[in-house]
Amino acid sequence: QEHCVRHGYPMPTYTGEAVDGQTHQKKFAVVCTVGKIKETGSGSSKKDAKRESAQKMINKLKSLGPNGGEQAGDLTVDEEVLKKMSNLKVNTLNPEDSEKVAGF
């Protein structure tokens, strides 16, 4: 997810979680999708399968290079929105407001 955010790719989604094998030796498969790109991972647990598919996706996105966004999902940048976002100021909480939040 961090890689996708950092490089402007769509957020990854995970699907599938197919199960194969006997009850004591199950094998799980998960598909990681970013835009139009899919990578599959497998493992002895759903967590391992998801981790493998995510790592394969990171490797794939890195191999596509800086213009990989075109293959990932035909990303376009709206220059006007980008300019507005770069000038955006986010106010932090003052001590009084911070105490109000802490009281919830």
PDB file of N, CA and C in Angstrom:
ATOM      1  N   GLN A   1       0.826  -1.184   0.000  1.00  0.00           N
ATOM      2  CA  GLN A   1       0.000   0.000   0.000  1.00  0.00           C
ATOM      3  C   GLN A   1       0.871   1.248   0.000  1.00  0.00           C
ATOM      4  N   GLU A   2       1.929   1.227   0.803  1.00  0.00           N
ATOM      5  CA  GLU A   2       2.807   2.388   0.874  1.00  0.00           C
ATOM      6  C   GLU A   2       3.416   2.694  -0.485  1.00  0.00           C
ATOM      7  N   HIS A   3       3.847   1.660  -1.184  1.00  0.00           N
ATOM      8  CA  HIS A   3       4.441   1.847  -2.508  1.00  0.00           C
ATOM      9  C   HIS A   3       3.424   2.463  -3.468  1.00  0.00           C
ATOM     10  N   CYS A   4       2.195   2.002  -3.411  1.00  0.00           N
ATOM     11  CA  CYS A   4       1.146   2.520  -4.290  1.00  0.00           C
ATOM     12  C   CYS A   4       0.871   3.987  -3.988  1.00  0.00           C
ATOM     13  N   VAL A   5       0.769   4.329  -2.720  1.00  0.00           N
ATOM     14  CA  VAL A   5       0.506   5.715  -2.339  1.00  0.00           C
ATOM     15  C   VAL A   5       1.664   6.601  -2.764  1.00  0.00           C
ATOM     16  N   ARG A   6       2.872   6.161  -2.493  1.00  0.00           N
ATOM     17  CA  ARG A   6       4.064   6.941  -2.795  1.00  0.00           C
ATOM     18  C   ARG A   6       4.195   7.237  -4.285  1.00  0.00           C
ATOM     19  N   HIS A   7       3.776   6.296  -5.126  1.00  0.00           N
ATOM     20  CA  HIS A   7       3.964   6.440  -6.570  1.00  0.00           C
ATOM     21  C   HIS A   7       2.677   6.742  -7.327  1.00  0.00           C
ATOM     22  N   GLY A   8       1.584   6.945  -6.600  1.00  0.00           N
ATOM     23  CA  GLY A   8       0.333   7.346  -7.244  1.00  0.00           C
ATOM     24  C   GLY A   8      -0.424   6.234  -7.938  1.00  0.00           C
ATOM     25  N   TYR A   9      -0.168   4.985  -7.551  1.00  0.00           N
ATOM     26  CA  TYR A   9      -0.913   3.867  -8.124  1.00  0.00           C
ATOM     27  C   TYR A   9      -2.234   3.702  -7.384  1.00  0.00           C
ATOM     28  N   PRO A  10      -3.198   3.018  -8.002  1.00  0.00           N
ATOM     29  CA  PRO A  10      -4.431   2.685  -7.260  1.00  0.00           C
ATOM     30  C   PRO A  10      -4.077   1.775  -6.076  1.00  0.00           C
ATOM     31  N   MET A  11      -4.918   1.790  -5.061  1.00  0.00           N
ATOM     32  CA  MET A  11      -4.676   0.941  -3.893  1.00  0.00           C
ATOM     33  C   MET A  11      -4.835  -0.531  -4.286  1.00  0.00           C
ATOM     34  N   PRO A  12      -4.021  -1.404  -3.710  1.00  0.00           N
ATOM     35  CA  PRO A  12      -4.128  -2.822  -4.043  1.00  0.00           C
ATOM     36  C   PRO A  12      -5.385  -3.448  -3.435  1.00  0.00           C
ATOM     37  N   THR A  13      -5.921  -4.430  -4.146  1.00  0.00           N
ATOM     38  CA  THR A  13      -7.020  -5.228  -3.614  1.00  0.00           C
ATOM     39  C   THR A  13      -6.565  -6.682  -3.614  1.00  0.00           C
ATOM     40  N   TYR A  14      -7.086  -7.451  -2.678  1.00  0.00           N
ATOM     41  CA  TYR A  14      -6.704  -8.852  -2.541  1.00  0.00           C
ATOM     42  C   TYR A  14      -7.949  -9.716  -2.652  1.00  0.00           C
ATOM     43  N   THR A  15      -7.891 -10.709  -3.538  1.00  0.00           N
ATOM     44  CA  THR A  15      -9.034 -11.593  -3.739  1.00  0.00           C
ATOM     45  C   THR A  15      -8.555 -13.028  -3.907  1.00  0.00           C
ATOM     46  N   GLY A  16      -9.494 -13.909  -3.958  1.00  0.00           N
ATOM     47  CA  GLY A  16      -9.214 -15.304  -4.254  1.00  0.00           C
ATOM     48  C   GLY A  16      -9.221 -16.175  -3.038  1.00  0.00           C
ATOM     49  N   GLU A  17      -8.133 -16.155  -2.314  1.00  0.00           N
ATOM     50  CA  GLU A  17      -7.964 -16.999  -1.149  1.00  0.00           C
ATOM     51  C   GLU A  17      -8.421 -18.430  -1.412  1.00  0.00           C
ATOM     52  N   ALA A  18      -8.024 -18.959  -2.544  1.00  0.00           N
ATOM     53  CA  ALA A  18      -8.362 -20.334  -2.899  1.00  0.00           C
ATOM     54  C   ALA A  18      -7.622 -21.292  -1.967  1.00  0.00           C
ATOM     55  N   VAL A  19      -8.246 -22.398  -1.700  1.00  0.00           N
ATOM     56  CA  VAL A  19      -7.657 -23.399  -0.816  1.00  0.00           C
ATOM     57  C   VAL A  19      -7.495 -24.692  -1.593  1.00  0.00           C
ATOM     58  N   ASP A  20      -6.342 -25.308  -1.422  1.00  0.00           N
ATOM     59  CA  ASP A  20      -6.071 -26.564  -2.100  1.00  0.00           C
ATOM     60  C   ASP A  20      -5.346 -27.473  -1.113  1.00  0.00           C
ATOM     61  N   GLY A  21      -5.459 -28.758  -1.303  1.00  0.00           N
ATOM     62  CA  GLY A  21      -4.736 -29.709  -0.466  1.00  0.00           C
ATOM     63  C   GLY A  21      -5.589 -30.310   0.633  1.00  0.00           C
ATOM     64  N   GLN A  22      -4.990 -31.214   1.348  1.00  0.00           N
ATOM     65  CA  GLN A  22      -5.667 -31.909   2.436  1.00  0.00           C
ATOM     66  C   GLN A  22      -5.761 -30.992   3.654  1.00  0.00           C
ATOM     67  N   THR A  23      -6.623 -31.361   4.577  1.00  0.00           N
ATOM     68  CA  THR A  23      -6.885 -30.497   5.733  1.00  0.00           C
ATOM     69  C   THR A  23      -5.630 -30.195   6.552  1.00  0.00           C
ATOM     70  N   HIS A  24      -4.686 -31.111   6.606  1.00  0.00           N
ATOM     71  CA  HIS A  24      -3.480 -30.885   7.400  1.00  0.00           C
ATOM     72  C   HIS A  24      -2.347 -30.250   6.580  1.00  0.00           C
ATOM     73  N   GLN A  25      -2.535 -30.103   5.266  1.00  0.00           N
ATOM     74  CA  GLN A  25      -1.519 -29.478   4.410  1.00  0.00           C
ATOM     75  C   GLN A  25      -2.182 -28.559   3.397  1.00  0.00           C
ATOM     76  N   LYS A  26      -2.921 -27.591   3.897  1.00  0.00           N
ATOM     77  CA  LYS A  26      -3.626 -26.690   2.998  1.00  0.00           C
ATOM     78  C   LYS A  26      -2.662 -25.724   2.334  1.00  0.00           C
ATOM     79  N   LYS A  27      -3.033 -25.321   1.132  1.00  0.00           N
ATOM     80  CA  LYS A  27      -2.260 -24.347   0.365  1.00  0.00           C
ATOM     81  C   LYS A  27      -3.228 -23.246  -0.049  1.00  0.00           C
ATOM     82  N   PHE A  28      -2.906 -22.017   0.286  1.00  0.00           N
ATOM     83  CA  PHE A  28      -3.772 -20.877  -0.013  1.00  0.00           C
ATOM     84  C   PHE A  28      -3.184 -20.074  -1.159  1.00  0.00           C
ATOM     85  N   ALA A  29      -4.064 -19.454  -1.948  1.00  0.00           N
ATOM     86  CA  ALA A  29      -3.636 -18.588  -3.045  1.00  0.00           C
ATOM     87  C   ALA A  29      -4.424 -17.283  -2.974  1.00  0.00           C
ATOM     88  N   VAL A  30      -3.727 -16.162  -3.138  1.00  0.00           N
ATOM     89  CA  VAL A  30      -4.332 -14.839  -3.095  1.00  0.00           C
ATOM     90  C   VAL A  30      -3.857 -14.044  -4.311  1.00  0.00           C
ATOM     91  N   VAL A  31      -4.783 -13.307  -4.918  1.00  0.00           N
ATOM     92  CA  VAL A  31      -4.449 -12.464  -6.068  1.00  0.00           C
ATOM     93  C   VAL A  31      -4.429 -11.010  -5.616  1.00  0.00           C
ATOM     94  N   CYS A  32      -3.309 -10.339  -5.853  1.00  0.00           N
ATOM     95  CA  CYS A  32      -3.163  -8.916  -5.564  1.00  0.00           C
ATOM     96  C   CYS A  32      -3.362  -8.165  -6.879  1.00  0.00           C
ATOM     97  N   THR A  33      -4.262  -7.172  -6.871  1.00  0.00           N
ATOM     98  CA  THR A  33      -4.559  -6.407  -8.078  1.00  0.00           C
ATOM     99  C   THR A  33      -4.311  -4.925  -7.825  1.00  0.00           C
ATOM    100  N   VAL A  34      -3.554  -4.311  -8.713  1.00  0.00           N
ATOM    101  CA  VAL A  34      -3.340  -2.859  -8.692  1.00  0.00           C
ATOM    102  C   VAL A  34      -3.666  -2.377 -10.099  1.00  0.00           C
ATOM    103  N   GLY A  35      -4.787  -1.674 -10.219  1.00  0.00           N
ATOM    104  CA  GLY A  35      -5.216  -1.251 -11.551  1.00  0.00           C
ATOM    105  C   GLY A  35      -5.504  -2.469 -12.407  1.00  0.00           C
ATOM    106  N   LYS A  36      -4.743  -2.608 -13.490  1.00  0.00           N
ATOM    107  CA  LYS A  36      -4.937  -3.735 -14.409  1.00  0.00           C
ATOM    108  C   LYS A  36      -3.907  -4.845 -14.209  1.00  0.00           C
ATOM    109  N   ILE A  37      -3.016  -4.664 -13.250  1.00  0.00           N
ATOM    110  CA  ILE A  37      -1.941  -5.627 -13.021  1.00  0.00           C
ATOM    111  C   ILE A  37      -2.345  -6.587 -11.913  1.00  0.00           C
ATOM    112  N   LYS A  38      -2.081  -7.879 -12.142  1.00  0.00           N
ATOM    113  CA  LYS A  38      -2.414  -8.907 -11.154  1.00  0.00           C
ATOM    114  C   LYS A  38      -1.178  -9.757 -10.872  1.00  0.00           C
ATOM    115  N   GLU A  39      -1.008 -10.087  -9.600  1.00  0.00           N
ATOM    116  CA  GLU A  39       0.051 -11.001  -9.177  1.00  0.00           C
ATOM    117  C   GLU A  39      -0.540 -11.977  -8.183  1.00  0.00           C
ATOM    118  N   THR A  40      -0.139 -13.233  -8.270  1.00  0.00           N
ATOM    119  CA  THR A  40      -0.664 -14.276  -7.393  1.00  0.00           C
ATOM    120  C   THR A  40       0.417 -14.756  -6.443  1.00  0.00           C
ATOM    121  N   GLY A  41       0.022 -14.972  -5.201  1.00  0.00           N
ATOM    122  CA  GLY A  41       0.929 -15.526  -4.213  1.00  0.00           C
ATOM    123  C   GLY A  41       0.304 -16.748  -3.578  1.00  0.00           C
ATOM    124  N   SER A  42       1.140 -17.643  -3.077  1.00  0.00           N
ATOM    125  CA  SER A  42       0.624 -18.838  -2.416  1.00  0.00           C
ATOM    126  C   SER A  42       1.420 -19.090  -1.145  1.00  0.00           C
ATOM    127  N   GLY A  43       0.810 -19.847  -0.243  1.00  0.00           N
ATOM    128  CA  GLY A  43       1.482 -20.165   1.006  1.00  0.00           C
ATOM    129  C   GLY A  43       0.659 -21.104   1.849  1.00  0.00           C
ATOM    130  N   SER A  44       1.221 -21.478   2.987  1.00  0.00           N
ATOM    131  CA  SER A  44       0.528 -22.418   3.861  1.00  0.00           C
ATOM    132  C   SER A  44      -0.510 -21.724   4.740  1.00  0.00           C
ATOM    133  N   SER A  45      -0.580 -20.379   4.659  1.00  0.00           N
ATOM    134  CA  SER A  45      -1.619 -19.626   5.354  1.00  0.00           C
ATOM    135  C   SER A  45      -2.068 -18.482   4.445  1.00  0.00           C
ATOM    136  N   LYS A  46      -3.248 -17.920   4.734  1.00  0.00           N
ATOM    137  CA  LYS A  46      -3.739 -16.790   3.947  1.00  0.00           C
ATOM    138  C   LYS A  46      -2.774 -15.617   4.060  1.00  0.00           C
ATOM    139  N   LYS A  47      -2.245 -15.414   5.251  1.00  0.00           N
ATOM    140  CA  LYS A  47      -1.312 -14.313   5.495  1.00  0.00           C
ATOM    141  C   LYS A  47      -0.057 -14.468   4.631  1.00  0.00           C
ATOM    142  N   ASP A  48       0.496 -15.675   4.576  1.00  0.00           N
ATOM    143  CA  ASP A  48       1.690 -15.911   3.759  1.00  0.00           C
ATOM    144  C   ASP A  48       1.400 -15.707   2.281  1.00  0.00           C
ATOM    145  N   ALA A  49       0.231 -16.171   1.836  1.00  0.00           N
ATOM    146  CA  ALA A  49      -0.149 -16.020   0.435  1.00  0.00           C
ATOM    147  C   ALA A  49      -0.326 -14.546   0.075  1.00  0.00           C
ATOM    148  N   LYS A  50      -0.962 -13.800   0.954  1.00  0.00           N
ATOM    149  CA  LYS A  50      -1.168 -12.368   0.720  1.00  0.00           C
ATOM    150  C   LYS A  50       0.169 -11.642   0.696  1.00  0.00           C
ATOM    151  N   ARG A  51       1.031 -11.982   1.628  1.00  0.00           N
ATOM    152  CA  ARG A  51       2.357 -11.352   1.700  1.00  0.00           C
ATOM    153  C   ARG A  51       3.156 -11.621   0.420  1.00  0.00           C
ATOM    154  N   GLU A  52       3.095 -12.856  -0.060  1.00  0.00           N
ATOM    155  CA  GLU A  52       3.833 -13.196  -1.279  1.00  0.00           C
ATOM    156  C   GLU A  52       3.276 -12.447  -2.489  1.00  0.00           C
ATOM    157  N   SER A  53       1.953 -12.378  -2.600  1.00  0.00           N
ATOM    158  CA  SER A  53       1.368 -11.670  -3.747  1.00  0.00           C
ATOM    159  C   SER A  53       1.698 -10.176  -3.676  1.00  0.00           C
ATOM    160  N   ALA A  54       1.716  -9.613  -2.472  1.00  0.00           N
ATOM    161  CA  ALA A  54       2.063  -8.194  -2.317  1.00  0.00           C
ATOM    162  C   ALA A  54       3.519  -7.950  -2.698  1.00  0.00           C
ATOM    163  N   GLN A  55       4.416  -8.845  -2.279  1.00  0.00           N
ATOM    164  CA  GLN A  55       5.833  -8.682  -2.618  1.00  0.00           C
ATOM    165  C   GLN A  55       6.059  -8.807  -4.118  1.00  0.00           C
ATOM    166  N   LYS A  56       5.364  -9.746  -4.739  1.00  0.00           N
ATOM    167  CA  LYS A  56       5.470  -9.875  -6.199  1.00  0.00           C
ATOM    168  C   LYS A  56       4.969  -8.611  -6.892  1.00  0.00           C
ATOM    169  N   MET A  57       3.892  -8.018  -6.353  1.00  0.00           N
ATOM    170  CA  MET A  57       3.345  -6.795  -6.938  1.00  0.00           C
ATOM    171  C   MET A  57       4.343  -5.651  -6.803  1.00  0.00           C
ATOM    172  N   ILE A  58       4.958  -5.511  -5.631  1.00  0.00           N
ATOM    173  CA  ILE A  58       5.952  -4.459  -5.438  1.00  0.00           C
ATOM    174  C   ILE A  58       7.086  -4.619  -6.446  1.00  0.00           C
ATOM    175  N   ASN A  59       7.572  -5.841  -6.605  1.00  0.00           N
ATOM    176  CA  ASN A  59       8.648  -6.105  -7.566  1.00  0.00           C
ATOM    177  C   ASN A  59       8.214  -5.755  -8.984  1.00  0.00           C
ATOM    178  N   LYS A  60       6.979  -6.111  -9.333  1.00  0.00           N
ATOM    179  CA  LYS A  60       6.449  -5.834 -10.669  1.00  0.00           C
ATOM    180  C   LYS A  60       6.360  -4.329 -10.902  1.00  0.00           C
ATOM    181  N   LEU A  61       5.802  -3.594  -9.927  1.00  0.00           N
ATOM    182  CA  LEU A  61       5.651  -2.143 -10.074  1.00  0.00           C
ATOM    183  C   LEU A  61       7.014  -1.461 -10.163  1.00  0.00           C
ATOM    184  N   LYS A  62       7.976  -1.929  -9.383  1.00  0.00           N
ATOM    185  CA  LYS A  62       9.327  -1.363  -9.455  1.00  0.00           C
ATOM    186  C   LYS A  62       9.945  -1.616 -10.825  1.00  0.00           C
ATOM    187  N   SER A  63       9.701  -2.792 -11.391  1.00  0.00           N
ATOM    188  CA  SER A  63      10.279  -3.128 -12.693  1.00  0.00           C
ATOM    189  C   SER A  63       9.654  -2.317 -13.823  1.00  0.00           C
ATOM    190  N   LEU A  64       8.427  -1.829 -13.612  1.00  0.00           N
ATOM    191  CA  LEU A  64       7.772  -1.010 -14.637  1.00  0.00           C
ATOM    192  C   LEU A  64       8.386   0.381 -14.728  1.00  0.00           C
ATOM    193  N   GLY A  65       9.055   0.804 -13.678  1.00  0.00           N
ATOM    194  CA  GLY A  65       9.716   2.101 -13.676  1.00  0.00           C
ATOM    195  C   GLY A  65       8.762   3.244 -13.419  1.00  0.00           C
ATOM    196  N   PRO A  66       9.253   4.484 -13.620  1.00  0.00           N
ATOM    197  CA  PRO A  66       8.459   5.670 -13.282  1.00  0.00           C
ATOM    198  C   PRO A  66       7.205   5.851 -14.129  1.00  0.00           C
ATOM    199  N   ASN A  67       7.151   5.272 -15.298  1.00  0.00           N
ATOM    200  CA  ASN A  67       5.968   5.404 -16.152  1.00  0.00           C
ATOM    201  C   ASN A  67       5.058   4.187 -16.054  1.00  0.00           C
ATOM    202  N   GLY A  68       5.236   3.391 -15.019  1.00  0.00           N
ATOM    203  CA  GLY A  68       4.445   2.180 -14.848  1.00  0.00           C
ATOM    204  C   GLY A  68       2.981   2.434 -14.588  1.00  0.00           C
ATOM    205  N   GLY A  69       2.633   3.646 -14.164  1.00  0.00           N
ATOM    206  CA  GLY A  69       1.246   3.981 -13.875  1.00  0.00           C
ATOM    207  C   GLY A  69       0.339   3.798 -15.070  1.00  0.00           C
ATOM    208  N   GLU A  70       0.896   3.959 -16.252  1.00  0.00           N
ATOM    209  CA  GLU A  70       0.090   3.776 -17.469  1.00  0.00           C
ATOM    210  C   GLU A  70      -0.411   2.338 -17.554  1.00  0.00           C
ATOM    211  N   GLN A  71       0.449   1.394 -17.231  1.00  0.00           N
ATOM    212  CA  GLN A  71       0.029  -0.013 -17.275  1.00  0.00           C
ATOM    213  C   GLN A  71      -0.811  -0.374 -16.064  1.00  0.00           C
ATOM    214  N   ALA A  72      -0.566   0.288 -14.947  1.00  0.00           N
ATOM    215  CA  ALA A  72      -1.291  -0.047 -13.728  1.00  0.00           C
ATOM    216  C   ALA A  72      -2.736   0.394 -13.781  1.00  0.00           C
ATOM    217  N   GLY A  73      -3.027   1.450 -14.466  1.00  0.00           N
ATOM    218  CA  GLY A  73      -4.415   1.890 -14.459  1.00  0.00           C
ATOM    219  C   GLY A  73      -4.657   3.161 -15.230  1.00  0.00           C
ATOM    220  N   ASP A  74      -3.828   3.459 -16.199  1.00  0.00           N
ATOM    221  CA  ASP A  74      -4.001   4.653 -17.013  1.00  0.00           C
ATOM    222  C   ASP A  74      -4.214   5.885 -16.140  1.00  0.00           C
ATOM    223  N   LEU A  75      -3.262   6.127 -15.248  1.00  0.00           N
ATOM    224  CA  LEU A  75      -3.379   7.243 -14.324  1.00  0.00           C
ATOM    225  C   LEU A  75      -3.066   8.558 -15.029  1.00  0.00           C
ATOM    226  N   THR A  76      -3.835   9.563 -14.733  1.00  0.00           N
ATOM    227  CA  THR A  76      -3.564  10.895 -15.240  1.00  0.00           C
ATOM    228  C   THR A  76      -3.543  11.849 -14.062  1.00  0.00           C
ATOM    229  N   VAL A  77      -2.732  12.891 -14.176  1.00  0.00           N
ATOM    230  CA  VAL A  77      -2.608  13.856 -13.100  1.00  0.00           C
ATOM    231  C   VAL A  77      -3.325  15.128 -13.512  1.00  0.00           C
ATOM    232  N   ASP A  78      -4.210  15.585 -12.665  1.00  0.00           N
ATOM    233  CA  ASP A  78      -4.900  16.849 -12.884  1.00  0.00           C
ATOM    234  C   ASP A  78      -4.013  17.931 -12.287  1.00  0.00           C
ATOM    235  N   GLU A  79      -3.372  18.707 -13.141  1.00  0.00           N
ATOM    236  CA  GLU A  79      -2.406  19.708 -12.690  1.00  0.00           C
ATOM    237  C   GLU A  79      -3.037  20.749 -11.771  1.00  0.00           C
ATOM    238  N   GLU A  80      -4.285  21.136 -12.041  1.00  0.00           N
ATOM    239  CA  GLU A  80      -4.953  22.131 -11.209  1.00  0.00           C
ATOM    240  C   GLU A  80      -5.169  21.603  -9.795  1.00  0.00           C
ATOM    241  N   VAL A  81      -5.628  20.366  -9.693  1.00  0.00           N
ATOM    242  CA  VAL A  81      -5.834  19.759  -8.385  1.00  0.00           C
ATOM    243  C   VAL A  81      -4.495  19.590  -7.670  1.00  0.00           C
ATOM    244  N   LEU A  82      -3.482  19.175  -8.401  1.00  0.00           N
ATOM    245  CA  LEU A  82      -2.160  19.000  -7.822  1.00  0.00           C
ATOM    246  C   LEU A  82      -1.636  20.321  -7.252  1.00  0.00           C
ATOM    247  N   LYS A  83      -1.853  21.417  -7.971  1.00  0.00           N
ATOM    248  CA  LYS A  83      -1.405  22.732  -7.513  1.00  0.00           C
ATOM    249  C   LYS A  83      -2.151  23.137  -6.238  1.00  0.00           C
ATOM    250  N   LYS A  84      -3.480  22.902  -6.215  1.00  0.00           N
ATOM    251  CA  LYS A  84      -4.265  23.229  -5.027  1.00  0.00           C
ATOM    252  C   LYS A  84      -3.805  22.409  -3.829  1.00  0.00           C
ATOM    253  N   MET A  85      -3.530  21.136  -4.060  1.00  0.00           N
ATOM    254  CA  MET A  85      -3.108  20.262  -2.969  1.00  0.00           C
ATOM    255  C   MET A  85      -1.741  20.676  -2.430  1.00  0.00           C
ATOM    256  N   SER A  86      -0.857  21.157  -3.295  1.00  0.00           N
ATOM    257  CA  SER A  86       0.474  21.548  -2.830  1.00  0.00           C
ATOM    258  C   SER A  86       0.412  22.799  -1.961  1.00  0.00           C
ATOM    259  N   ASN A  87      -0.620  23.630  -2.140  1.00  0.00           N
ATOM    260  CA  ASN A  87      -0.782  24.832  -1.334  1.00  0.00           C
ATOM    261  C   ASN A  87      -1.702  24.623  -0.137  1.00  0.00           C
ATOM    262  N   LEU A  88      -2.175  23.412   0.053  1.00  0.00           N
ATOM    263  CA  LEU A  88      -3.112  23.113   1.131  1.00  0.00           C
ATOM    264  C   LEU A  88      -2.408  23.187   2.482  1.00  0.00           C
ATOM    265  N   LYS A  89      -3.031  23.880   3.407  1.00  0.00           N
ATOM    266  CA  LYS A  89      -2.492  23.985   4.761  1.00  0.00           C
ATOM    267  C   LYS A  89      -3.417  23.236   5.706  1.00  0.00           C
ATOM    268  N   VAL A  90      -2.834  22.371   6.497  1.00  0.00           N
ATOM    269  CA  VAL A  90      -3.598  21.597   7.464  1.00  0.00           C
ATOM    270  C   VAL A  90      -3.269  22.134   8.853  1.00  0.00           C
ATOM    271  N   ASN A  91      -4.281  22.619   9.536  1.00  0.00           N
ATOM    272  CA  ASN A  91      -4.079  23.150  10.878  1.00  0.00           C
ATOM    273  C   ASN A  91      -3.984  22.009  11.883  1.00  0.00           C
ATOM    274  N   THR A  92      -3.097  22.185  12.830  1.00  0.00           N
ATOM    275  CA  THR A  92      -2.977  21.201  13.901  1.00  0.00           C
ATOM    276  C   THR A  92      -3.836  21.635  15.076  1.00  0.00           C
ATOM    277  N   LEU A  93      -4.080  20.717  15.973  1.00  0.00           N
ATOM    278  CA  LEU A  93      -4.893  21.020  17.147  1.00  0.00           C
ATOM    279  C   LEU A  93      -4.123  21.916  18.118  1.00  0.00           C
ATOM    280  N   ASN A  94      -4.836  22.892  18.648  1.00  0.00           N
ATOM    281  CA  ASN A  94      -4.233  23.676  19.722  1.00  0.00           C
ATOM    282  C   ASN A  94      -4.464  22.911  21.025  1.00  0.00           C
ATOM    283  N   PRO A  95      -3.788  23.308  22.116  1.00  0.00           N
ATOM    284  CA  PRO A  95      -3.918  22.553  23.371  1.00  0.00           C
ATOM    285  C   PRO A  95      -5.362  22.435  23.867  1.00  0.00           C
ATOM    286  N   GLU A  96      -6.156  23.498  23.712  1.00  0.00           N
ATOM    287  CA  GLU A  96      -7.543  23.468  24.181  1.00  0.00           C
ATOM    288  C   GLU A  96      -8.363  22.431  23.414  1.00  0.00           C
ATOM    289  N   ASP A  97      -8.239  22.433  22.087  1.00  0.00           N
ATOM    290  CA  ASP A  97      -8.966  21.462  21.264  1.00  0.00           C
ATOM    291  C   ASP A  97      -8.456  20.037  21.509  1.00  0.00           C
ATOM    292  N   SER A  98      -7.182  19.928  21.748  1.00  0.00           N
ATOM    293  CA  SER A  98      -6.588  18.615  22.024  1.00  0.00           C
ATOM    294  C   SER A  98      -7.203  18.009  23.278  1.00  0.00           C
ATOM    295  N   GLU A  99      -7.426  18.834  24.307  1.00  0.00           N
ATOM    296  CA  GLU A  99      -8.050  18.344  25.537  1.00  0.00           C
ATOM    297  C   GLU A  99      -9.482  17.901  25.291  1.00  0.00           C
ATOM    298  N   LYS A 100     -10.203  18.631  24.424  1.00  0.00           N
ATOM    299  CA  LYS A 100     -11.577  18.249  24.089  1.00  0.00           C
ATOM    300  C   LYS A 100     -11.607  16.879  23.422  1.00  0.00           C
ATOM    301  N   VAL A 101     -10.683  16.664  22.493  1.00  0.00           N
ATOM    302  CA  VAL A 101     -10.606  15.384  21.787  1.00  0.00           C
ATOM    303  C   VAL A 101     -10.262  14.268  22.768  1.00  0.00           C
ATOM    304  N   ALA A 102      -9.328  14.542  23.661  1.00  0.00           N
ATOM    305  CA  ALA A 102      -8.910  13.527  24.631  1.00  0.00           C
ATOM    306  C   ALA A 102     -10.051  13.165  25.574  1.00  0.00           C
ATOM    307  N   GLY A 103     -11.006  14.074  25.749  1.00  0.00           N
ATOM    308  CA  GLY A 103     -12.127  13.817  26.643  1.00  0.00           C
ATOM    309  C   GLY A 103     -13.176  12.883  26.095  1.00  0.00           C
ATOM    310  N   PHE A 104     -13.107  12.550  24.809  1.00  0.00           N
ATOM    311  CA  PHE A 104     -14.112  11.659  24.214  1.00  0.00           C
ATOM    312  C   PHE A 104     -13.927  10.236  24.634  1.00  0.00           C
TER     313      PHE A 104
END
